[in-house]
Amino acid sequence: MRIYLAGPLFTPYERGFLDACAARLREEGFDVFVPHEHALALGDTSADVIFTKDWDGLYNADAVLAILDGPQTDDGTACEIGIFYTLMLWNPTKKGIVGLLTDLRGGRSGEGHGLNLFVEGCIDAGGEIVDDLDAAVAVLAGWRK
């Protein structure tokens, strides 16, 4: 099963967290598309190149794991969530979206998890939000069966 790993990737810390998540998913036998692995390898970070590569990653994914941490969901991640939800509507073989919210600020808001409610609704309609990587792996593994 191919997973598109969506999340902010602009700092070494963000990329490090994505790398750790990807390593864990790969240990579990998932094929993982990590956008920054491709962008850095290409050396060309123009909008058209990034869009084309990431679109291909989303289009060919079976599921999305979206990192939701931060004061607000990363705008690229929110876009990827919306695109994949639409792909799910067109293609019933798509499994779903798992939102991973480990940010301590997420638990303080109660309803809405501190997330944009449209983003949260999109994930809820196509999957679920979890609070640790073990739970995310469990959801994805269930979809693989």
C-alpha atoms as a PDB file:
ATOM      1  CA  MET A   1       0.000   0.000   0.000  1.00  0.00           C
ATOM      2  CA  ARG A   2       1.367   3.393  -1.001  1.00  0.00           C
ATOM      3  CA  ILE A   3       1.170   6.227   1.546  1.00  0.00           C
ATOM      4  CA  TYR A   4       1.548   9.909   0.687  1.00  0.00           C
ATOM      5  CA  LEU A   5       3.134  11.573   3.728  1.00  0.00           C
ATOM      6  CA  ALA A   6       1.898  15.158   3.895  1.00  0.00           C
ATOM      7  CA  GLY A   7       3.195  17.758   6.315  1.00  0.00           C
ATOM      8  CA  PRO A   8       5.228  20.900   6.709  1.00  0.00           C
ATOM      9  CA  LEU A   9       8.778  20.418   5.410  1.00  0.00           C
ATOM     10  CA  PHE A  10      10.448  23.784   5.578  1.00  0.00           C
ATOM     11  CA  THR A  11      12.732  23.373   8.591  1.00  0.00           C
ATOM     12  CA  PRO A  12      15.230  20.654   9.464  1.00  0.00           C
ATOM     13  CA  TYR A  13      12.988  19.732  12.415  1.00  0.00           C
ATOM     14  CA  GLU A  14       9.909  19.302  10.230  1.00  0.00           C
ATOM     15  CA  ARG A  15      11.801  17.226   7.679  1.00  0.00           C
ATOM     16  CA  GLY A  16      13.353  15.186  10.485  1.00  0.00           C
ATOM     17  CA  PHE A  17       9.905  14.331  11.880  1.00  0.00           C
ATOM     18  CA  LEU A  18       8.651  13.398   8.411  1.00  0.00           C
ATOM     19  CA  ASP A  19      11.752  11.255   7.879  1.00  0.00           C
ATOM     20  CA  ALA A  20      11.141   9.454  11.195  1.00  0.00           C
ATOM     21  CA  CYS A  21       7.491   8.838  10.283  1.00  0.00           C
ATOM     22  CA  ALA A  22       8.488   7.570   6.835  1.00  0.00           C
ATOM     23  CA  ALA A  23      11.094   5.231   8.337  1.00  0.00           C
ATOM     24  CA  ARG A  24       8.505   3.759  10.693  1.00  0.00           C
ATOM     25  CA  LEU A  25       5.980   3.286   7.891  1.00  0.00           C
ATOM     26  CA  ARG A  26       8.615   1.644   5.715  1.00  0.00           C
ATOM     27  CA  GLU A  27       9.532  -0.698   8.590  1.00  0.00           C
ATOM     28  CA  GLU A  28       5.860  -1.699   8.613  1.00  0.00           C
ATOM     29  CA  GLY A  29       6.044  -2.559   4.905  1.00  0.00           C
ATOM     30  CA  PHE A  30       4.397   0.528   3.423  1.00  0.00           C
ATOM     31  CA  ASP A  31       5.619   2.232   0.256  1.00  0.00           C
ATOM     32  CA  VAL A  32       5.912   5.900   1.273  1.00  0.00           C
ATOM     33  CA  PHE A  33       6.006   9.007  -0.925  1.00  0.00           C
ATOM     34  CA  VAL A  34       7.686  11.852   0.971  1.00  0.00           C
ATOM     35  CA  PRO A  35       7.523  15.119  -1.008  1.00  0.00           C
ATOM     36  CA  HIS A  36      10.801  16.602   0.215  1.00  0.00           C
ATOM     37  CA  GLU A  37      12.730  13.456  -0.732  1.00  0.00           C
ATOM     38  CA  HIS A  38      11.744  14.128  -4.337  1.00  0.00           C
ATOM     39  CA  ALA A  39      12.044  17.916  -4.316  1.00  0.00           C
ATOM     40  CA  LEU A  40      15.552  17.867  -2.874  1.00  0.00           C
ATOM     41  CA  ALA A  41      16.623  15.120  -5.286  1.00  0.00           C
ATOM     42  CA  LEU A  42      15.300  17.088  -8.266  1.00  0.00           C
ATOM     43  CA  GLY A  43      17.128  20.253  -7.294  1.00  0.00           C
ATOM     44  CA  ASP A  44      14.374  22.231  -9.050  1.00  0.00           C
ATOM     45  CA  THR A  45      11.881  23.688  -6.604  1.00  0.00           C
ATOM     46  CA  SER A  46       9.832  25.666  -9.100  1.00  0.00           C
ATOM     47  CA  ALA A  47       6.070  25.586  -8.578  1.00  0.00           C
ATOM     48  CA  ASP A  48       5.343  23.611 -11.744  1.00  0.00           C
ATOM     49  CA  VAL A  49       7.919  20.909 -10.947  1.00  0.00           C
ATOM     50  CA  ILE A  50       6.802  20.553  -7.325  1.00  0.00           C
ATOM     51  CA  PHE A  51       3.119  20.497  -8.297  1.00  0.00           C
ATOM     52  CA  THR A  52       3.654  17.855 -10.982  1.00  0.00           C
ATOM     53  CA  LYS A  53       5.732  15.573  -8.747  1.00  0.00           C
ATOM     54  CA  ASP A  54       3.445  15.903  -5.716  1.00  0.00           C
ATOM     55  CA  TRP A  55       0.291  15.502  -7.825  1.00  0.00           C
ATOM     56  CA  ASP A  56       1.706  12.249  -9.157  1.00  0.00           C
ATOM     57  CA  GLY A  57       2.462  11.140  -5.589  1.00  0.00           C
ATOM     58  CA  LEU A  58      -1.079  11.917  -4.432  1.00  0.00           C
ATOM     59  CA  TYR A  59      -2.727  10.433  -7.497  1.00  0.00           C
ATOM     60  CA  ASN A  60      -0.861   7.154  -7.101  1.00  0.00           C
ATOM     61  CA  ALA A  61      -1.271   6.910  -3.316  1.00  0.00           C
ATOM     62  CA  ASP A  62      -3.713   4.576  -1.622  1.00  0.00           C
ATOM     63  CA  ALA A  63      -3.857   6.678   1.540  1.00  0.00           C
ATOM     64  CA  VAL A  64      -2.544   9.908   3.063  1.00  0.00           C
ATOM     65  CA  LEU A  65      -0.916  10.404   6.435  1.00  0.00           C
ATOM     66  CA  ALA A  66      -1.139  14.140   7.126  1.00  0.00           C
ATOM     67  CA  ILE A  67       0.864  15.816   9.898  1.00  0.00           C
ATOM     68  CA  LEU A  68      -1.410  18.423  11.465  1.00  0.00           C
ATOM     69  CA  ASP A  69       0.923  19.886  14.112  1.00  0.00           C
ATOM     70  CA  GLY A  70       1.533  23.597  14.488  1.00  0.00           C
ATOM     71  CA  PRO A  71      -0.559  26.650  15.320  1.00  0.00           C
ATOM     72  CA  GLN A  72      -2.511  25.935  12.143  1.00  0.00           C
ATOM     73  CA  THR A  73      -2.393  23.188   9.544  1.00  0.00           C
ATOM     74  CA  ASP A  74       0.273  23.827   6.929  1.00  0.00           C
ATOM     75  CA  ASP A  75      -1.406  25.261   3.824  1.00  0.00           C
ATOM     76  CA  GLY A  76       0.194  22.739   1.459  1.00  0.00           C
ATOM     77  CA  THR A  77      -0.897  19.897   3.730  1.00  0.00           C
ATOM     78  CA  ALA A  78      -4.456  21.236   3.806  1.00  0.00           C
ATOM     79  CA  CYS A  79      -4.422  21.377  -0.002  1.00  0.00           C
ATOM     80  CA  GLU A  80      -3.142  17.783  -0.214  1.00  0.00           C
ATOM     81  CA  ILE A  81      -5.877  16.624   2.175  1.00  0.00           C
ATOM     82  CA  GLY A  82      -8.542  18.264   0.004  1.00  0.00           C
ATOM     83  CA  ILE A  83      -7.118  16.906  -3.232  1.00  0.00           C
ATOM     84  CA  PHE A  84      -6.889  13.376  -1.862  1.00  0.00           C
ATOM     85  CA  TYR A  85     -10.432  13.509  -0.491  1.00  0.00           C
ATOM     86  CA  THR A  86     -11.625  14.443  -3.982  1.00  0.00           C
ATOM     87  CA  LEU A  87      -9.602  11.584  -5.461  1.00  0.00           C
ATOM     88  CA  MET A  88     -11.320   9.280  -2.947  1.00  0.00           C
ATOM     89  CA  LEU A  89     -14.709  10.398  -4.250  1.00  0.00           C
ATOM     90  CA  TRP A  90     -13.661   9.572  -7.825  1.00  0.00           C
ATOM     91  CA  ASN A  91     -11.810   6.354  -7.014  1.00  0.00           C
ATOM     92  CA  PRO A  92     -13.306   3.990  -4.435  1.00  0.00           C
ATOM     93  CA  THR A  93     -10.052   2.001  -4.215  1.00  0.00           C
ATOM     94  CA  LYS A  94      -8.486   4.893  -2.285  1.00  0.00           C
ATOM     95  CA  LYS A  95      -8.389   3.953   1.413  1.00  0.00           C
ATOM     96  CA  GLY A  96      -8.488   7.219   3.340  1.00  0.00           C
ATOM     97  CA  ILE A  97      -6.765  10.017   5.208  1.00  0.00           C
ATOM     98  CA  VAL A  98      -5.179   9.759   8.638  1.00  0.00           C
ATOM     99  CA  GLY A  99      -4.509  13.049  10.371  1.00  0.00           C
ATOM    100  CA  LEU A 100      -1.676  12.866  12.918  1.00  0.00           C
ATOM    101  CA  LEU A 101      -2.015  15.542  15.596  1.00  0.00           C
ATOM    102  CA  THR A 102       0.716  15.232  18.229  1.00  0.00           C
ATOM    103  CA  ASP A 103       0.818  18.954  19.021  1.00  0.00           C
ATOM    104  CA  LEU A 104      -0.108  19.640  22.663  1.00  0.00           C
ATOM    105  CA  ARG A 105      -2.084  22.687  21.528  1.00  0.00           C
ATOM    106  CA  GLY A 106      -4.469  20.385  19.658  1.00  0.00           C
ATOM    107  CA  GLY A 107      -5.954  18.907  22.816  1.00  0.00           C
ATOM    108  CA  ARG A 108      -6.734  22.248  24.421  1.00  0.00           C
ATOM    109  CA  SER A 109      -9.453  23.315  22.024  1.00  0.00           C
ATOM    110  CA  GLY A 110     -11.893  20.451  22.540  1.00  0.00           C
ATOM    111  CA  GLU A 111     -14.211  20.300  19.538  1.00  0.00           C
ATOM    112  CA  GLY A 112     -12.173  21.079  16.469  1.00  0.00           C
ATOM    113  CA  HIS A 113      -8.821  20.038  17.986  1.00  0.00           C
ATOM    114  CA  GLY A 114      -7.634  23.571  17.238  1.00  0.00           C
ATOM    115  CA  LEU A 115      -7.829  22.704  13.540  1.00  0.00           C
ATOM    116  CA  ASN A 116      -9.571  24.513  10.766  1.00  0.00           C
ATOM    117  CA  LEU A 117     -13.003  22.883  10.872  1.00  0.00           C
ATOM    118  CA  PHE A 118     -13.159  22.377   7.111  1.00  0.00           C
ATOM    119  CA  VAL A 119      -9.831  20.494   7.189  1.00  0.00           C
ATOM    120  CA  GLU A 120     -11.016  18.463  10.167  1.00  0.00           C
ATOM    121  CA  GLY A 121     -14.334  17.709   8.452  1.00  0.00           C
ATOM    122  CA  CYS A 122     -12.536  16.576   5.308  1.00  0.00           C
ATOM    123  CA  ILE A 123     -10.365  14.170   7.310  1.00  0.00           C
ATOM    124  CA  ASP A 124     -13.338  12.911   9.335  1.00  0.00           C
ATOM    125  CA  ALA A 125     -15.294  12.281   6.129  1.00  0.00           C
ATOM    126  CA  GLY A 126     -12.420  10.298   4.646  1.00  0.00           C
ATOM    127  CA  GLY A 127     -10.630   8.803   7.634  1.00  0.00           C
ATOM    128  CA  GLU A 128      -9.745   9.831  11.157  1.00  0.00           C
ATOM    129  CA  ILE A 129      -7.493  11.940  13.361  1.00  0.00           C
ATOM    130  CA  VAL A 130      -5.131  10.214  15.796  1.00  0.00           C
ATOM    131  CA  ASP A 131      -2.672  11.510  18.373  1.00  0.00           C
ATOM    132  CA  ASP A 132       0.368   9.268  17.906  1.00  0.00           C
ATOM    133  CA  LEU A 133       2.225   7.446  15.181  1.00  0.00           C
ATOM    134  CA  ASP A 134       1.381   4.003  16.582  1.00  0.00           C
ATOM    135  CA  ALA A 135      -2.327   4.761  16.176  1.00  0.00           C
ATOM    136  CA  ALA A 136      -1.730   6.074  12.645  1.00  0.00           C
ATOM    137  CA  VAL A 137       0.134   2.890  11.702  1.00  0.00           C
ATOM    138  CA  ALA A 138      -2.712   0.807  13.141  1.00  0.00           C
ATOM    139  CA  VAL A 139      -5.317   2.624  11.038  1.00  0.00           C
ATOM    140  CA  LEU A 140      -3.211   2.304   7.889  1.00  0.00           C
ATOM    141  CA  ALA A 141      -2.516  -1.376   8.575  1.00  0.00           C
ATOM    142  CA  GLY A 142      -6.261  -1.958   8.942  1.00  0.00           C
ATOM    143  CA  TRP A 143      -6.873  -0.385   5.550  1.00  0.00           C
ATOM    144  CA  ARG A 144      -4.174  -2.561   4.010  1.00  0.00           C
ATOM    145  CA  LYS A 145      -6.101  -5.746   4.843  1.00  0.00           C
END
